[in-house]
Protein backbone atom coordinates (compact mmCIF):
# COMPACT_ATOMS: atom_id res chain seq x y z
CA MET A 1 228.16 -168.08 -28.14
CA SER A 2 230.33 -170.03 -30.58
CA GLY A 3 232.67 -168.13 -32.89
CA ALA A 4 231.88 -167.82 -36.56
CA HIS A 5 234.25 -167.45 -39.50
CA HIS A 6 233.24 -164.89 -42.09
CA HIS A 7 234.30 -164.66 -45.72
CA HIS A 8 233.18 -161.96 -48.10
CA GLY A 9 232.93 -162.00 -51.84
CA HIS A 10 231.45 -159.93 -54.56
CA GLY A 11 230.94 -159.91 -58.29
CA HIS A 12 229.50 -157.65 -60.91
CA HIS A 13 228.59 -157.78 -64.57
CA HIS A 14 228.31 -155.00 -67.11
CA ASP A 15 226.92 -155.68 -70.55
CA HIS A 16 224.05 -154.38 -72.62
CA HIS A 17 222.49 -152.41 -69.78
CA HIS A 18 224.23 -149.12 -70.46
CA ALA A 19 222.73 -148.43 -73.87
CA ASP A 20 223.65 -144.90 -74.89
CA PHE A 21 220.63 -142.83 -75.94
CA GLY A 22 222.58 -139.55 -76.06
CA ARG A 23 222.10 -139.20 -79.81
CA ALA A 24 218.38 -139.93 -79.47
CA PHE A 25 218.01 -137.27 -76.77
CA ALA A 26 219.93 -134.70 -78.82
CA ILE A 27 217.83 -135.34 -81.94
CA GLY A 28 214.57 -135.40 -79.97
CA ILE A 29 215.29 -132.13 -78.15
CA THR A 30 216.39 -130.40 -81.37
CA LEU A 31 213.32 -131.54 -83.34
CA ASN A 32 210.94 -130.49 -80.58
CA LEU A 33 212.56 -127.08 -80.12
CA ILE A 34 212.19 -126.46 -83.87
CA PHE A 35 208.55 -127.55 -83.65
CA VAL A 36 207.92 -125.20 -80.71
CA ALA A 37 209.35 -122.32 -82.75
CA VAL A 38 207.10 -123.24 -85.72
CA GLU A 39 204.04 -123.35 -83.45
CA VAL A 40 204.85 -119.95 -81.98
CA VAL A 41 205.32 -118.35 -85.42
CA TYR A 42 202.12 -119.79 -86.91
CA GLY A 43 200.23 -119.27 -83.67
CA LEU A 44 201.01 -115.56 -83.80
CA LYS A 45 200.21 -115.35 -87.51
CA ALA A 46 196.89 -117.18 -87.10
CA ASN A 47 196.16 -115.48 -83.77
CA SER A 48 195.62 -118.97 -82.36
CA THR A 49 195.82 -119.31 -78.60
CA ALA A 50 195.46 -123.07 -79.06
CA LEU A 51 198.69 -123.24 -81.07
CA LEU A 52 200.52 -121.02 -78.59
CA SER A 53 199.26 -123.17 -75.70
CA ASP A 54 200.40 -126.33 -77.48
CA ALA A 55 203.81 -124.72 -77.99
CA GLY A 56 204.04 -124.29 -74.23
CA HIS A 57 203.03 -127.91 -73.74
CA ASN A 58 205.67 -129.10 -76.21
CA LEU A 59 208.24 -126.98 -74.41
CA SER A 60 207.44 -129.01 -71.28
CA ASP A 61 208.24 -132.13 -73.29
CA VAL A 62 211.64 -130.69 -74.15
CA LEU A 63 212.12 -130.29 -70.39
CA GLY A 64 211.05 -133.91 -69.91
CA LEU A 65 213.61 -135.11 -72.45
CA ALA A 66 216.29 -132.98 -70.81
CA ILE A 67 215.47 -134.45 -67.38
CA ALA A 68 215.67 -138.00 -68.73
CA TRP A 69 218.95 -137.25 -70.54
CA GLY A 70 220.42 -135.65 -67.42
CA GLY A 71 219.41 -138.67 -65.34
CA ALA A 72 221.04 -141.03 -67.84
CA LYS A 73 224.26 -138.99 -67.93
CA LEU A 74 224.48 -138.73 -64.13
CA ALA A 75 223.82 -142.47 -63.77
CA ALA A 76 226.87 -143.19 -65.92
CA ARG A 77 229.27 -141.20 -63.73
CA PRO A 78 231.88 -143.25 -61.85
CA PRO A 79 231.78 -143.79 -58.07
CA THR A 80 233.48 -141.38 -55.71
CA LYS A 81 234.46 -141.58 -52.05
CA ARG A 82 231.26 -139.73 -51.17
CA PHE A 83 228.92 -141.41 -53.66
CA THR A 84 230.33 -144.93 -53.57
CA TRP A 85 227.68 -146.22 -55.97
CA GLY A 86 228.21 -143.26 -58.24
CA LEU A 87 224.99 -141.46 -59.18
CA ARG A 88 223.21 -144.49 -60.63
CA SER A 89 219.96 -143.76 -58.84
CA SER A 90 219.70 -140.46 -60.72
CA SER A 91 217.96 -142.35 -63.51
CA ILE A 92 215.29 -143.46 -60.99
CA LEU A 93 214.77 -139.87 -59.83
CA ALA A 94 214.59 -138.70 -63.46
CA ALA A 95 211.92 -141.29 -64.24
CA MET A 96 209.92 -140.15 -61.20
CA ALA A 97 210.25 -136.49 -62.20
CA ASN A 98 209.11 -137.33 -65.73
CA GLY A 99 206.12 -139.22 -64.38
CA LEU A 100 205.10 -136.19 -62.31
CA LEU A 101 205.64 -133.86 -65.26
CA LEU A 102 203.46 -136.08 -67.43
CA MET A 103 200.72 -136.01 -64.80
CA VAL A 104 200.79 -132.20 -64.75
CA ALA A 105 200.64 -132.07 -68.56
CA LEU A 106 197.73 -134.53 -68.59
CA GLY A 107 195.92 -132.42 -66.00
CA ALA A 108 196.27 -129.38 -68.25
CA ILE A 109 194.95 -131.34 -71.27
CA ALA A 110 191.99 -132.68 -69.27
CA LEU A 111 191.17 -129.23 -67.84
CA GLU A 112 191.19 -127.64 -71.29
CA ALA A 113 188.99 -130.45 -72.65
CA VAL A 114 186.43 -130.02 -69.85
CA GLN A 115 186.36 -126.26 -70.43
CA ARG A 116 185.73 -126.84 -74.14
CA ILE A 117 182.85 -129.19 -73.32
CA ALA A 118 181.29 -126.48 -71.15
CA ASP A 119 182.07 -123.73 -73.66
CA PRO A 120 182.51 -125.19 -77.19
CA GLN A 121 185.10 -123.42 -79.33
CA PRO A 122 185.26 -123.06 -83.13
CA VAL A 123 186.74 -126.00 -85.04
CA ALA A 124 190.50 -125.97 -85.40
CA GLY A 125 191.32 -124.32 -88.71
CA PRO A 126 193.40 -125.79 -91.53
CA VAL A 127 196.56 -124.17 -90.13
CA MET A 128 196.04 -125.79 -86.73
CA MET A 129 195.41 -129.18 -88.32
CA ALA A 130 198.45 -128.87 -90.58
CA VAL A 131 200.73 -127.99 -87.67
CA ALA A 132 199.27 -130.86 -85.63
CA ALA A 133 200.04 -133.23 -88.53
CA VAL A 134 203.67 -132.08 -88.42
CA GLY A 135 203.56 -132.74 -84.68
CA ILE A 136 202.51 -136.34 -85.30
CA VAL A 137 205.60 -136.87 -87.48
CA ILE A 138 208.08 -135.13 -85.16
CA ASN A 139 206.82 -136.73 -81.95
CA GLY A 140 206.39 -140.11 -83.62
CA VAL A 141 209.96 -140.08 -84.95
CA THR A 142 211.29 -139.02 -81.56
CA ALA A 143 209.31 -141.78 -79.83
CA LEU A 144 210.81 -144.36 -82.21
CA LEU A 145 214.29 -143.25 -81.14
CA PHE A 146 213.49 -144.46 -77.61
CA ALA A 147 211.32 -147.46 -78.51
CA ARG A 148 214.04 -150.11 -78.09
CA GLY A 149 214.85 -148.99 -74.53
CA ARG A 150 211.35 -148.46 -73.17
CA LYS A 151 210.98 -151.96 -71.66
CA GLY A 152 214.36 -152.30 -69.99
CA ASP A 153 214.74 -148.78 -68.57
CA ILE A 154 211.88 -146.80 -67.03
CA ASN A 155 213.84 -143.56 -67.47
CA ILE A 156 213.87 -144.13 -71.24
CA ARG A 157 210.23 -145.23 -70.96
CA GLY A 158 209.39 -141.83 -69.48
CA ALA A 159 210.89 -140.08 -72.51
CA PHE A 160 209.07 -142.51 -74.81
CA LEU A 161 205.71 -141.87 -73.14
CA HIS A 162 206.18 -138.10 -73.42
CA MET A 163 206.61 -138.38 -77.18
CA VAL A 164 203.87 -140.98 -77.71
CA GLY A 165 201.48 -138.85 -75.68
CA ASP A 166 202.18 -135.76 -77.76
CA ALA A 167 201.85 -137.69 -81.01
CA ALA A 168 198.49 -139.03 -79.83
CA VAL A 169 197.23 -135.57 -78.86
CA SER A 170 198.34 -134.17 -82.23
CA ALA A 171 196.58 -137.06 -83.98
CA ALA A 172 193.44 -136.27 -81.97
CA VAL A 173 193.53 -132.67 -83.20
CA VAL A 174 193.71 -133.78 -86.84
CA VAL A 175 191.10 -136.56 -86.55
CA ALA A 176 188.73 -134.47 -84.46
CA GLY A 177 189.07 -131.54 -86.86
CA LEU A 178 188.14 -133.72 -89.84
CA LEU A 179 185.23 -135.38 -88.02
CA ILE A 180 183.84 -132.05 -86.87
CA LEU A 181 184.09 -130.63 -90.39
CA TRP A 182 182.13 -133.64 -91.67
CA THR A 183 179.54 -133.92 -88.87
CA GLY A 184 179.38 -130.45 -87.34
CA VAL A 185 179.50 -131.98 -83.82
CA SER A 186 181.98 -129.81 -81.93
CA LEU A 187 182.02 -132.01 -78.82
CA ILE A 188 184.06 -134.64 -80.70
CA ASP A 189 187.29 -132.71 -80.10
CA PRO A 190 187.23 -132.43 -76.25
CA VAL A 191 185.74 -135.92 -75.80
CA LEU A 192 188.50 -137.48 -77.92
CA SER A 193 191.11 -135.47 -76.00
CA LEU A 194 189.75 -136.80 -72.69
CA ALA A 195 189.83 -140.38 -73.98
CA ILE A 196 193.46 -140.06 -75.06
CA ALA A 197 194.37 -138.35 -71.77
CA ALA A 198 192.81 -141.27 -69.85
CA LEU A 199 194.85 -143.78 -71.85
CA ILE A 200 198.11 -141.88 -71.31
CA PHE A 201 197.24 -141.50 -67.61
CA TRP A 202 197.04 -145.27 -67.23
CA GLN A 203 200.48 -145.72 -68.75
CA THR A 204 201.95 -142.80 -66.81
CA TYR A 205 200.56 -144.13 -63.53
CA GLY A 206 202.47 -147.37 -64.14
CA LEU A 207 205.68 -145.41 -64.81
CA LEU A 208 205.23 -143.29 -61.70
CA SER A 209 204.33 -146.13 -59.35
CA LYS A 210 207.26 -148.22 -60.60
CA SER A 211 209.74 -145.36 -60.20
CA VAL A 212 208.50 -144.69 -56.65
CA ALA A 213 208.87 -148.38 -55.79
CA MET A 214 212.40 -148.41 -57.21
CA SER A 215 213.33 -145.30 -55.21
CA LEU A 216 212.22 -147.15 -52.07
CA GLY A 217 214.47 -150.11 -52.87
CA ALA A 218 211.74 -152.55 -53.90
CA VAL A 219 212.76 -155.84 -55.52
CA PRO A 220 212.67 -155.06 -59.27
CA GLU A 221 209.75 -156.37 -61.28
CA GLY A 222 210.53 -159.65 -62.94
CA ILE A 223 212.70 -160.91 -60.08
CA ASP A 224 211.12 -163.48 -57.75
CA TYR A 225 212.60 -163.03 -54.26
CA ASP A 226 211.74 -166.58 -53.18
CA ALA A 227 213.21 -168.04 -56.38
CA VAL A 228 216.50 -166.21 -55.73
CA ALA A 229 216.55 -167.42 -52.12
CA ASP A 230 215.90 -171.01 -53.25
CA ALA A 231 218.63 -170.77 -55.90
CA LEU A 232 221.15 -169.58 -53.31
CA ALA A 233 220.10 -172.27 -50.83
CA ALA A 234 220.53 -174.94 -53.54
CA GLN A 235 224.23 -174.13 -54.03
CA PRO A 236 226.74 -176.82 -52.93
CA GLY A 237 227.59 -176.53 -49.23
CA VAL A 238 224.94 -173.91 -48.39
CA ALA A 239 223.00 -174.85 -45.25
CA ARG A 240 220.98 -171.66 -44.88
CA VAL A 241 220.45 -168.26 -46.45
CA HIS A 242 219.61 -165.13 -44.50
CA ASP A 243 219.75 -161.33 -44.73
CA LEU A 244 218.95 -161.50 -48.43
CA HIS A 245 218.37 -158.09 -49.98
CA ILE A 246 217.67 -157.28 -53.62
CA TRP A 247 217.20 -153.75 -54.87
CA PRO A 248 217.78 -151.54 -57.94
CA SER A 249 220.86 -149.32 -57.98
CA SER A 250 219.58 -147.63 -61.15
CA THR A 251 216.78 -148.08 -63.66
CA THR A 252 218.81 -150.83 -65.37
CA GLU A 253 220.98 -152.44 -62.67
CA THR A 254 220.14 -154.71 -59.75
CA VAL A 255 222.16 -155.38 -56.60
CA LEU A 256 222.06 -158.33 -54.20
CA THR A 257 223.55 -158.90 -50.77
CA ALA A 258 223.18 -162.09 -48.75
CA HIS A 259 224.61 -164.17 -45.92
CA LEU A 260 225.26 -167.82 -46.75
CA VAL A 261 225.75 -170.25 -43.88
CA MET A 262 228.29 -172.82 -45.11
CA PRO A 263 229.64 -174.98 -42.23
CA ASP A 264 232.49 -176.39 -44.34
CA GLY A 265 233.28 -173.15 -46.13
CA PRO A 266 233.04 -172.57 -49.88
CA PRO A 267 233.79 -175.68 -51.96
CA GLY A 268 236.49 -173.98 -54.04
CA ASP A 269 237.94 -170.73 -55.34
CA GLY A 270 235.49 -170.67 -58.23
CA PHE A 271 232.40 -170.79 -56.02
CA LEU A 272 231.78 -167.03 -55.82
CA SER A 273 232.48 -166.54 -59.51
CA ALA A 274 230.04 -169.29 -60.46
CA LEU A 275 227.49 -167.88 -58.02
CA GLY A 276 227.72 -164.45 -59.63
CA GLU A 277 227.32 -165.95 -63.10
CA MET A 278 224.25 -167.89 -61.98
CA LEU A 279 222.58 -164.82 -60.48
CA HIS A 280 223.32 -162.78 -63.58
CA ASP A 281 222.17 -165.39 -66.09
CA ARG A 282 219.04 -166.52 -64.24
CA PHE A 283 217.89 -163.33 -62.56
CA ASP A 284 219.71 -160.49 -64.35
CA ILE A 285 221.35 -159.40 -61.11
CA ASP A 286 224.39 -157.28 -61.93
CA HIS A 287 226.22 -156.87 -58.63
CA MET A 288 226.48 -159.48 -55.87
CA THR A 289 227.99 -159.22 -52.42
CA VAL A 290 227.80 -162.27 -50.14
CA GLN A 291 229.06 -163.03 -46.66
CA ILE A 292 229.91 -166.67 -46.01
CA GLU A 293 229.50 -167.84 -42.41
CA GLN A 294 230.88 -171.13 -41.10
CA GLY A 295 229.08 -170.98 -37.79
CA ASP A 296 225.57 -170.14 -36.53
CA ALA A 297 225.90 -166.38 -36.72
CA ASP A 298 223.13 -164.21 -35.34
CA CYS A 299 220.58 -163.20 -37.91
CA HIS A 300 219.30 -159.64 -37.74
CA GLY A 301 216.10 -159.29 -39.70
CA CYS A 302 216.80 -162.45 -41.65
CA ASP A 303 213.69 -162.82 -43.70
CA PRO A 304 211.17 -160.17 -44.74
CA GLY A 305 207.59 -160.64 -43.72
């Protein structure tokens, strides 16, 4: 077997990815804790189990925000000798945990709605509707704090969906209460709750499935594996590309490793730097590690099926 010369190179880019939502988390948690306290006080005064139950549900949202915040903080910690990538994947685990928590909350909403269809309850009183209206404002404002990060970071998207979901449920309470007062049809409330739960379930399923895929090292959505392979193969002096791997190191960062067969070696000192810039600009890949081979090295699991 002929000898092969190996050269290694790497590059990484850090820019807008690490948006700090610490202030948003702090404000969101504070507002929701205040709202939980208000619900408990008025729930006891009005002897409303519905308000007390909703307070418990909103407390779970505070937990969801705390999980997302913890994941974001852990992901920002520097690497150590044991965790050489740092704890970047914590944000992926936080997004998955939030997805599961949302599913549990939706199950509770759906169960309560089904029970109310089987055993209709009195219309929510003015106090319940007034508190729900406050909930729309608080959850809506909190959701807006995370709106700008919901597309680029599924951990932030999890926090966003928690707040949007609660705002929607609160809106359903107000709208259903008014409609029932006007029409006298008590089934409007649970049916509307089920419809909103179904909508939130669809969004939550997407969050959960994406976070599971990321935890398994799937190529991030929006990155075409074949396009990356073709771009690498098109570089000057590259005869073949193999052992190409692309995976997320966090909910906002992507890593690539690859072997490039270059019989004449890299064309110049700036080759790896230019390669890293190309991968970052075209594919939003933040960290690149490549091995350059000048001979026909063995290929172990070169191309995925």
